[in-house]
């Protein structure tokens, strides 16, 4: 199962830290404007420090490509999705109107869901990794 929690701007001192530690992946959502993008790297770094896979969903049309944004954010995954004022209405119609399932918005949602599923499944199946004091990485098991 995949559980999604909107924790807003949870800080390191938040009671939600335990949730982040157990999460298979944390996703930060931001707008495509420069003011929003520049805040993301520090949030991603804080999440990665806890060992969590990270993804960033950029909503809108950023001036930069996905690979450049991912490198800037330091995230494991980055997705760019269209801004859509009709999102709530589209989500209500998704099961009754097949046209909604052909939209870019729906395809973006499926792409994110597939990536999250693949990443979390691979992570849950991987043997644990230990690091010795000489920074040598070896698989256990």
C-alpha atoms as a PDB file:
ATOM      1  CA  UNK A   1       0.000   0.000   0.000  1.00  0.00           C
ATOM      2  CA  UNK A   2       1.006   3.552  -0.576  1.00  0.00           C
ATOM      3  CA  UNK A   3      -0.125   6.119   1.956  1.00  0.00           C
ATOM      4  CA  UNK A   4       0.061   9.816   1.140  1.00  0.00           C
ATOM      5  CA  UNK A   5       0.249  12.509   3.796  1.00  0.00           C
ATOM      6  CA  UNK A   6       0.205  16.250   3.195  1.00  0.00           C
ATOM      7  CA  UNK A   7       2.446  17.545   5.943  1.00  0.00           C
ATOM      8  CA  UNK A   8       2.843  21.055   4.609  1.00  0.00           C
ATOM      9  CA  UNK A   9       6.037  22.688   5.773  1.00  0.00           C
ATOM     10  CA  UNK A  10       6.918  20.264   8.520  1.00  0.00           C
ATOM     11  CA  UNK A  11      10.098  21.306  10.313  1.00  0.00           C
ATOM     12  CA  UNK A  12      12.819  19.064  11.735  1.00  0.00           C
ATOM     13  CA  UNK A  13      11.375  19.713  15.209  1.00  0.00           C
ATOM     14  CA  UNK A  14       7.884  18.628  14.136  1.00  0.00           C
ATOM     15  CA  UNK A  15       6.120  15.609  15.585  1.00  0.00           C
ATOM     16  CA  UNK A  16       5.933  14.392  11.982  1.00  0.00           C
ATOM     17  CA  UNK A  17       9.679  13.627  11.912  1.00  0.00           C
ATOM     18  CA  UNK A  18       8.936  10.018  12.901  1.00  0.00           C
ATOM     19  CA  UNK A  19       6.627   9.727   9.889  1.00  0.00           C
ATOM     20  CA  UNK A  20       9.362  11.027   7.599  1.00  0.00           C
ATOM     21  CA  UNK A  21      11.852   8.525   9.019  1.00  0.00           C
ATOM     22  CA  UNK A  22       9.560   5.606   8.190  1.00  0.00           C
ATOM     23  CA  UNK A  23       8.456   6.925   4.809  1.00  0.00           C
ATOM     24  CA  UNK A  24       9.704   5.177   1.715  1.00  0.00           C
ATOM     25  CA  UNK A  25       9.576   8.467  -0.180  1.00  0.00           C
ATOM     26  CA  UNK A  26       8.896  12.120   0.505  1.00  0.00           C
ATOM     27  CA  UNK A  27       7.559  14.394  -2.230  1.00  0.00           C
ATOM     28  CA  UNK A  28       7.854  18.173  -2.206  1.00  0.00           C
ATOM     29  CA  UNK A  29       5.368  20.095  -4.358  1.00  0.00           C
ATOM     30  CA  UNK A  30       6.189  23.589  -5.579  1.00  0.00           C
ATOM     31  CA  UNK A  31       5.160  26.089  -8.221  1.00  0.00           C
ATOM     32  CA  UNK A  32       7.352  26.770 -11.240  1.00  0.00           C
ATOM     33  CA  UNK A  33       8.138  30.388 -10.318  1.00  0.00           C
ATOM     34  CA  UNK A  34      11.711  31.187  -9.332  1.00  0.00           C
ATOM     35  CA  UNK A  35      10.657  32.242  -5.809  1.00  0.00           C
ATOM     36  CA  UNK A  36       9.285  28.752  -5.165  1.00  0.00           C
ATOM     37  CA  UNK A  37      12.064  26.810  -6.875  1.00  0.00           C
ATOM     38  CA  UNK A  38      14.877  28.356  -4.837  1.00  0.00           C
ATOM     39  CA  UNK A  39      13.309  27.110  -1.583  1.00  0.00           C
ATOM     40  CA  UNK A  40      13.291  23.466  -2.642  1.00  0.00           C
ATOM     41  CA  UNK A  41      16.977  22.390  -2.329  1.00  0.00           C
ATOM     42  CA  UNK A  42      17.112  22.987   1.426  1.00  0.00           C
ATOM     43  CA  UNK A  43      13.865  21.056   1.963  1.00  0.00           C
ATOM     44  CA  UNK A  44      15.090  18.161  -0.166  1.00  0.00           C
ATOM     45  CA  UNK A  45      18.445  18.137   1.655  1.00  0.00           C
ATOM     46  CA  UNK A  46      16.680  17.909   5.019  1.00  0.00           C
ATOM     47  CA  UNK A  47      14.581  14.978   3.818  1.00  0.00           C
ATOM     48  CA  UNK A  48      17.555  13.202   2.255  1.00  0.00           C
ATOM     49  CA  UNK A  49      19.536  13.614   5.475  1.00  0.00           C
ATOM     50  CA  UNK A  50      17.019  11.270   7.062  1.00  0.00           C
ATOM     51  CA  UNK A  51      17.646   8.661   4.374  1.00  0.00           C
ATOM     52  CA  UNK A  52      14.377   9.197   2.535  1.00  0.00           C
ATOM     53  CA  UNK A  53      14.006   8.951  -1.237  1.00  0.00           C
ATOM     54  CA  UNK A  54      12.903  12.353  -2.472  1.00  0.00           C
ATOM     55  CA  UNK A  55      10.814  13.593  -5.347  1.00  0.00           C
ATOM     56  CA  UNK A  56       9.789  17.072  -6.394  1.00  0.00           C
ATOM     57  CA  UNK A  57       6.635  17.906  -8.330  1.00  0.00           C
ATOM     58  CA  UNK A  58       6.923  21.250 -10.115  1.00  0.00           C
ATOM     59  CA  UNK A  59       3.519  22.646 -11.054  1.00  0.00           C
ATOM     60  CA  UNK A  60       3.453  24.928 -14.065  1.00  0.00           C
ATOM     61  CA  UNK A  61       5.937  25.747 -16.808  1.00  0.00           C
ATOM     62  CA  UNK A  62       9.409  26.266 -15.375  1.00  0.00           C
ATOM     63  CA  UNK A  63      12.118  28.005 -17.388  1.00  0.00           C
ATOM     64  CA  UNK A  64      14.402  25.012 -16.847  1.00  0.00           C
ATOM     65  CA  UNK A  65      14.259  21.396 -17.967  1.00  0.00           C
ATOM     66  CA  UNK A  66      13.522  18.455 -15.708  1.00  0.00           C
ATOM     67  CA  UNK A  67      17.137  17.228 -15.545  1.00  0.00           C
ATOM     68  CA  UNK A  68      18.445  20.696 -14.646  1.00  0.00           C
ATOM     69  CA  UNK A  69      15.812  21.084 -11.933  1.00  0.00           C
ATOM     70  CA  UNK A  70      16.538  17.639 -10.513  1.00  0.00           C
ATOM     71  CA  UNK A  71      20.233  18.443 -10.328  1.00  0.00           C
ATOM     72  CA  UNK A  72      19.493  21.798  -8.667  1.00  0.00           C
ATOM     73  CA  UNK A  73      17.085  20.255  -6.153  1.00  0.00           C
ATOM     74  CA  UNK A  74      19.284  17.257  -5.356  1.00  0.00           C
ATOM     75  CA  UNK A  75      16.205  15.031  -5.516  1.00  0.00           C
ATOM     76  CA  UNK A  76      16.009  11.425  -6.663  1.00  0.00           C
ATOM     77  CA  UNK A  77      13.011  12.238  -8.897  1.00  0.00           C
ATOM     78  CA  UNK A  78      11.565  15.384 -10.427  1.00  0.00           C
ATOM     79  CA  UNK A  79       8.313  15.704 -12.328  1.00  0.00           C
ATOM     80  CA  UNK A  80       6.848  18.693 -14.140  1.00  0.00           C
ATOM     81  CA  UNK A  81       3.066  18.800 -14.314  1.00  0.00           C
ATOM     82  CA  UNK A  82       0.780  21.368 -15.901  1.00  0.00           C
ATOM     83  CA  UNK A  83      -1.000  23.875 -13.706  1.00  0.00           C
ATOM     84  CA  UNK A  84      -4.714  23.209 -14.095  1.00  0.00           C
ATOM     85  CA  UNK A  85      -7.386  25.348 -12.478  1.00  0.00           C
ATOM     86  CA  UNK A  86      -9.877  22.533 -13.154  1.00  0.00           C
ATOM     87  CA  UNK A  87      -7.943  19.895 -11.209  1.00  0.00           C
ATOM     88  CA  UNK A  88     -10.618  19.284  -8.574  1.00  0.00           C
ATOM     89  CA  UNK A  89     -13.375  18.994 -11.168  1.00  0.00           C
ATOM     90  CA  UNK A  90     -11.235  16.715 -13.363  1.00  0.00           C
ATOM     91  CA  UNK A  91     -10.539  14.420 -10.405  1.00  0.00           C
ATOM     92  CA  UNK A  92     -14.287  14.106  -9.824  1.00  0.00           C
ATOM     93  CA  UNK A  93     -14.873  13.111 -13.461  1.00  0.00           C
ATOM     94  CA  UNK A  94     -11.917  10.774 -13.925  1.00  0.00           C
ATOM     95  CA  UNK A  95     -13.938   7.556 -13.586  1.00  0.00           C
ATOM     96  CA  UNK A  96     -16.995   8.692 -15.535  1.00  0.00           C
ATOM     97  CA  UNK A  97     -15.449  10.659 -18.422  1.00  0.00           C
ATOM     98  CA  UNK A  98     -12.843   8.821 -20.504  1.00  0.00           C
ATOM     99  CA  UNK A  99     -11.656  12.103 -22.020  1.00  0.00           C
ATOM    100  CA  UNK A 100     -10.195  13.111 -18.663  1.00  0.00           C
ATOM    101  CA  UNK A 101      -7.992  10.001 -18.765  1.00  0.00           C
ATOM    102  CA  UNK A 102      -6.454  11.234 -22.024  1.00  0.00           C
ATOM    103  CA  UNK A 103      -5.458  14.604 -20.562  1.00  0.00           C
ATOM    104  CA  UNK A 104      -1.884  15.681 -19.876  1.00  0.00           C
ATOM    105  CA  UNK A 105      -2.860  16.119 -16.231  1.00  0.00           C
ATOM    106  CA  UNK A 106      -3.968  12.482 -15.942  1.00  0.00           C
ATOM    107  CA  UNK A 107      -0.883  11.209 -17.795  1.00  0.00           C
ATOM    108  CA  UNK A 108       1.316  13.230 -15.429  1.00  0.00           C
ATOM    109  CA  UNK A 109      -0.437  11.724 -12.407  1.00  0.00           C
ATOM    110  CA  UNK A 110       0.047   8.195 -13.763  1.00  0.00           C
ATOM    111  CA  UNK A 111       3.711   8.874 -14.489  1.00  0.00           C
ATOM    112  CA  UNK A 112       4.295  10.027 -10.907  1.00  0.00           C
ATOM    113  CA  UNK A 113       2.354   7.070  -9.487  1.00  0.00           C
ATOM    114  CA  UNK A 114       4.370   4.608 -11.587  1.00  0.00           C
ATOM    115  CA  UNK A 115       7.691   6.134 -10.560  1.00  0.00           C
ATOM    116  CA  UNK A 116       6.733   6.171  -6.873  1.00  0.00           C
ATOM    117  CA  UNK A 117       5.548   2.568  -7.056  1.00  0.00           C
ATOM    118  CA  UNK A 118       8.722   1.413  -8.835  1.00  0.00           C
ATOM    119  CA  UNK A 119      11.024   3.293  -6.462  1.00  0.00           C
ATOM    120  CA  UNK A 120       9.327   2.216  -3.258  1.00  0.00           C
ATOM    121  CA  UNK A 121       8.984  -1.395  -4.423  1.00  0.00           C
ATOM    122  CA  UNK A 122      12.678  -1.548  -5.378  1.00  0.00           C
ATOM    123  CA  UNK A 123      13.676   0.021  -2.090  1.00  0.00           C
ATOM    124  CA  UNK A 124      11.583  -2.389  -0.018  1.00  0.00           C
ATOM    125  CA  UNK A 125      13.118  -5.372  -1.839  1.00  0.00           C
ATOM    126  CA  UNK A 126      16.744  -4.201  -1.608  1.00  0.00           C
ATOM    127  CA  UNK A 127      18.910  -5.745   1.105  1.00  0.00           C
ATOM    128  CA  UNK A 128      19.970  -3.312   3.816  1.00  0.00           C
ATOM    129  CA  UNK A 129      23.199  -1.400   3.277  1.00  0.00           C
ATOM    130  CA  UNK A 130      25.788  -0.879   6.007  1.00  0.00           C
ATOM    131  CA  UNK A 131      28.637   1.598   5.977  1.00  0.00           C
ATOM    132  CA  UNK A 132      31.826   0.968   7.925  1.00  0.00           C
ATOM    133  CA  UNK A 133      34.067   3.727   9.279  1.00  0.00           C
ATOM    134  CA  UNK A 134      36.265   3.586   6.180  1.00  0.00           C
ATOM    135  CA  UNK A 135      33.245   4.495   4.021  1.00  0.00           C
ATOM    136  CA  UNK A 136      33.278   1.095   2.362  1.00  0.00           C
ATOM    137  CA  UNK A 137      29.770   0.126   1.355  1.00  0.00           C
ATOM    138  CA  UNK A 138      28.747  -3.518   1.386  1.00  0.00           C
ATOM    139  CA  UNK A 139      25.421  -5.293   1.057  1.00  0.00           C
ATOM    140  CA  UNK A 140      24.148  -7.409   3.927  1.00  0.00           C
ATOM    141  CA  UNK A 141      22.442 -10.698   3.234  1.00  0.00           C
END
